Amino acid sequence: QVQLVESGGGLVQPGENLRLSCAASGSVSSIHTMAWYRQAPGKQRELVAALYRDGSTNYADSVKGRFTISRGGAKNTVYLQMNSLKPEDTAVYYCNAQQISRYYWGQGTQVAVSS
């Protein structure tokens, strides 16, 4: 079992930055991928960024060059640095951890970008 706790969401103006954090606990040694997903009202959940065990990353086209996914020093915390936020980034952001046969989800954190 893996437990995920997100933090760092909030209300910001367009162009501002936010950093989301996801602290993982439990069977973390068997996680091969950590990722951030988001779900806007009326839309499907979509992948924002993924960080793989080998250190490689993958980003949605809509966030490339603005968002950065990284791992904390203890390697049990994953961050999503979001720069130059746009209104269309407004969504609930979910941390995700993947083992070979199972996905785990955090409770979600709201990000709202509005002037």
C-alpha atoms as a PDB file:
ATOM      1  CA  GLN A   1       0.000   0.000   0.000  1.00  0.00           C
ATOM      2  CA  VAL A   2       1.050   3.558  -0.741  1.00  0.00           C
ATOM      3  CA  GLN A   3      -0.383   6.706   0.804  1.00  0.00           C
ATOM      4  CA  LEU A   4      -0.128  10.051  -0.989  1.00  0.00           C
ATOM      5  CA  VAL A   5      -0.713  13.482   0.531  1.00  0.00           C
ATOM      6  CA  GLU A   6      -0.734  16.563  -1.672  1.00  0.00           C
ATOM      7  CA  SER A   7      -0.321  20.183  -0.672  1.00  0.00           C
ATOM      8  CA  GLY A   8       0.357  23.559  -2.221  1.00  0.00           C
ATOM      9  CA  GLY A   9      -2.741  24.390  -4.190  1.00  0.00           C
ATOM     10  CA  GLY A  10      -4.475  27.740  -4.078  1.00  0.00           C
ATOM     11  CA  LEU A  11      -5.785  30.747  -5.945  1.00  0.00           C
ATOM     12  CA  VAL A  12      -3.337  32.732  -8.037  1.00  0.00           C
ATOM     13  CA  GLN A  13      -3.465  35.321 -10.797  1.00  0.00           C
ATOM     14  CA  PRO A  14      -2.451  34.575 -14.379  1.00  0.00           C
ATOM     15  CA  GLY A  15       1.314  34.615 -14.784  1.00  0.00           C
ATOM     16  CA  GLU A  16       2.022  33.652 -11.195  1.00  0.00           C
ATOM     17  CA  ASN A  17       3.702  30.492  -9.931  1.00  0.00           C
ATOM     18  CA  LEU A  18       2.773  27.661  -7.579  1.00  0.00           C
ATOM     19  CA  ARG A  19       4.539  24.556  -6.337  1.00  0.00           C
ATOM     20  CA  LEU A  20       2.618  21.416  -5.482  1.00  0.00           C
ATOM     21  CA  SER A  21       4.055  18.760  -3.199  1.00  0.00           C
ATOM     22  CA  CYS A  22       3.191  15.092  -2.863  1.00  0.00           C
ATOM     23  CA  ALA A  23       4.503  13.096   0.072  1.00  0.00           C
ATOM     24  CA  ALA A  24       4.464   9.325  -0.405  1.00  0.00           C
ATOM     25  CA  SER A  25       4.585   6.776   2.393  1.00  0.00           C
ATOM     26  CA  GLY A  26       4.192   3.038   2.704  1.00  0.00           C
ATOM     27  CA  SER A  27       5.595   0.674   0.059  1.00  0.00           C
ATOM     28  CA  VAL A  28       7.474   3.436  -1.780  1.00  0.00           C
ATOM     29  CA  SER A  29      10.392   1.229  -2.887  1.00  0.00           C
ATOM     30  CA  SER A  30       8.144  -0.556  -5.390  1.00  0.00           C
ATOM     31  CA  ILE A  31       6.950   2.635  -7.097  1.00  0.00           C
ATOM     32  CA  HIS A  32       8.269   2.946 -10.654  1.00  0.00           C
ATOM     33  CA  THR A  33       6.486   6.127 -11.706  1.00  0.00           C
ATOM     34  CA  MET A  34       5.239   9.228  -9.945  1.00  0.00           C
ATOM     35  CA  ALA A  35       2.949  11.577 -11.800  1.00  0.00           C
ATOM     36  CA  TRP A  36       0.608  14.525 -11.561  1.00  0.00           C
ATOM     37  CA  TYR A  37      -2.800  14.475 -13.191  1.00  0.00           C
ATOM     38  CA  ARG A  38      -5.467  17.144 -13.263  1.00  0.00           C
ATOM     39  CA  GLN A  39      -9.187  17.291 -13.784  1.00  0.00           C
ATOM     40  CA  ALA A  40     -11.035  20.443 -14.739  1.00  0.00           C
ATOM     41  CA  PRO A  41     -14.803  20.772 -14.293  1.00  0.00           C
ATOM     42  CA  GLY A  42     -16.637  18.804 -16.959  1.00  0.00           C
ATOM     43  CA  LYS A  43     -13.449  17.292 -18.357  1.00  0.00           C
ATOM     44  CA  GLN A  44     -11.654  13.979 -18.070  1.00  0.00           C
ATOM     45  CA  ARG A  45      -8.648  13.536 -15.836  1.00  0.00           C
ATOM     46  CA  GLU A  46      -5.478  14.103 -17.843  1.00  0.00           C
ATOM     47  CA  LEU A  47      -1.781  13.484 -17.349  1.00  0.00           C
ATOM     48  CA  VAL A  48       0.187  16.643 -16.607  1.00  0.00           C
ATOM     49  CA  ALA A  49       3.669  15.304 -15.881  1.00  0.00           C
ATOM     50  CA  ALA A  50       5.345  12.007 -15.070  1.00  0.00           C
ATOM     51  CA  LEU A  51       8.671  11.133 -13.474  1.00  0.00           C
ATOM     52  CA  TYR A  52      10.034   7.664 -14.111  1.00  0.00           C
ATOM     53  CA  ARG A  53      12.381   5.575 -12.007  1.00  0.00           C
ATOM     54  CA  ASP A  54      15.269   6.228 -14.398  1.00  0.00           C
ATOM     55  CA  GLY A  55      14.823   9.968 -13.926  1.00  0.00           C
ATOM     56  CA  SER A  56      13.254  10.654 -17.282  1.00  0.00           C
ATOM     57  CA  THR A  57      10.153  12.820 -17.495  1.00  0.00           C
ATOM     58  CA  ASN A  58       7.131  13.313 -19.697  1.00  0.00           C
ATOM     59  CA  TYR A  59       4.893  16.376 -19.956  1.00  0.00           C
ATOM     60  CA  ALA A  60       1.582  17.235 -21.522  1.00  0.00           C
ATOM     61  CA  ASP A  61       2.074  19.540 -24.494  1.00  0.00           C
ATOM     62  CA  SER A  62       0.002  22.228 -22.800  1.00  0.00           C
ATOM     63  CA  VAL A  63       2.458  22.554 -19.892  1.00  0.00           C
ATOM     64  CA  LYS A  64       5.830  21.949 -21.575  1.00  0.00           C
ATOM     65  CA  GLY A  65       8.265  24.720 -20.761  1.00  0.00           C
ATOM     66  CA  ARG A  66       6.128  25.981 -17.859  1.00  0.00           C
ATOM     67  CA  PHE A  67       5.842  23.042 -15.445  1.00  0.00           C
ATOM     68  CA  THR A  68       8.613  20.937 -13.943  1.00  0.00           C
ATOM     69  CA  ILE A  69       8.233  17.658 -12.075  1.00  0.00           C
ATOM     70  CA  SER A  70      10.997  16.711  -9.652  1.00  0.00           C
ATOM     71  CA  ARG A  71      11.767  14.499  -6.692  1.00  0.00           C
ATOM     72  CA  GLY A  72      12.713  15.668  -3.219  1.00  0.00           C
ATOM     73  CA  GLY A  73      15.916  14.825  -1.411  1.00  0.00           C
ATOM     74  CA  ALA A  74      14.351  11.920   0.445  1.00  0.00           C
ATOM     75  CA  LYS A  75      12.921  10.682  -2.862  1.00  0.00           C
ATOM     76  CA  ASN A  76       9.587  10.169  -1.167  1.00  0.00           C
ATOM     77  CA  THR A  77       8.345  13.621  -2.130  1.00  0.00           C
ATOM     78  CA  VAL A  78       7.493  14.718  -5.643  1.00  0.00           C
ATOM     79  CA  TYR A  79       7.011  18.319  -6.643  1.00  0.00           C
ATOM     80  CA  LEU A  80       5.273  20.043  -9.502  1.00  0.00           C
ATOM     81  CA  GLN A  81       6.636  23.534 -10.082  1.00  0.00           C
ATOM     82  CA  MET A  82       4.082  25.454 -12.102  1.00  0.00           C
ATOM     83  CA  ASN A  83       5.225  28.717 -13.660  1.00  0.00           C
ATOM     84  CA  SER A  84       3.392  31.256 -15.785  1.00  0.00           C
ATOM     85  CA  LEU A  85       0.032  29.838 -14.820  1.00  0.00           C
ATOM     86  CA  LYS A  86      -2.923  30.351 -17.136  1.00  0.00           C
ATOM     87  CA  PRO A  87      -6.675  30.288 -16.431  1.00  0.00           C
ATOM     88  CA  GLU A  88      -6.866  27.018 -18.373  1.00  0.00           C
ATOM     89  CA  ASP A  89      -4.594  25.420 -15.756  1.00  0.00           C
ATOM     90  CA  THR A  90      -7.462  25.664 -13.265  1.00  0.00           C
ATOM     91  CA  ALA A  91      -8.255  22.152 -12.055  1.00  0.00           C
ATOM     92  CA  VAL A  92      -7.983  19.719  -9.185  1.00  0.00           C
ATOM     93  CA  TYR A  93      -4.481  18.286  -9.291  1.00  0.00           C
ATOM     94  CA  TYR A  94      -3.917  14.684  -8.212  1.00  0.00           C
ATOM     95  CA  CYS A  95      -0.701  12.979  -7.282  1.00  0.00           C
ATOM     96  CA  ASN A  96      -0.336   9.467  -8.671  1.00  0.00           C
ATOM     97  CA  ALA A  97       2.018   6.616  -7.821  1.00  0.00           C
ATOM     98  CA  GLN A  98       2.364   3.540  -9.984  1.00  0.00           C
ATOM     99  CA  GLN A  99       3.511   0.061  -9.104  1.00  0.00           C
ATOM    100  CA  ILE A 100       3.613  -2.810 -11.581  1.00  0.00           C
ATOM    101  CA  SER A 101       0.000  -3.771 -11.007  1.00  0.00           C
ATOM    102  CA  ARG A 102      -1.578  -0.898  -9.129  1.00  0.00           C
ATOM    103  CA  TYR A 103      -2.181   2.854  -9.219  1.00  0.00           C
ATOM    104  CA  TYR A 104      -2.533   5.025  -6.131  1.00  0.00           C
ATOM    105  CA  TRP A 105      -4.100   8.469  -5.917  1.00  0.00           C
ATOM    106  CA  GLY A 106      -3.910  11.371  -3.528  1.00  0.00           C
ATOM    107  CA  GLN A 107      -6.963  13.285  -2.393  1.00  0.00           C
ATOM    108  CA  GLY A 108      -6.372  16.136  -4.812  1.00  0.00           C
ATOM    109  CA  THR A 109      -5.534  19.799  -4.373  1.00  0.00           C
ATOM    110  CA  GLN A 110      -7.373  22.667  -6.047  1.00  0.00           C
ATOM    111  CA  VAL A 111      -5.505  25.108  -8.258  1.00  0.00           C
ATOM    112  CA  ALA A 112      -7.435  28.145  -9.462  1.00  0.00           C
ATOM    113  CA  VAL A 113      -5.965  30.728 -11.811  1.00  0.00           C
ATOM    114  CA  SER A 114      -8.064  33.854 -12.113  1.00  0.00           C
ATOM    115  CA  SER A 115      -7.729  37.604 -12.205  1.00  0.00           C
END
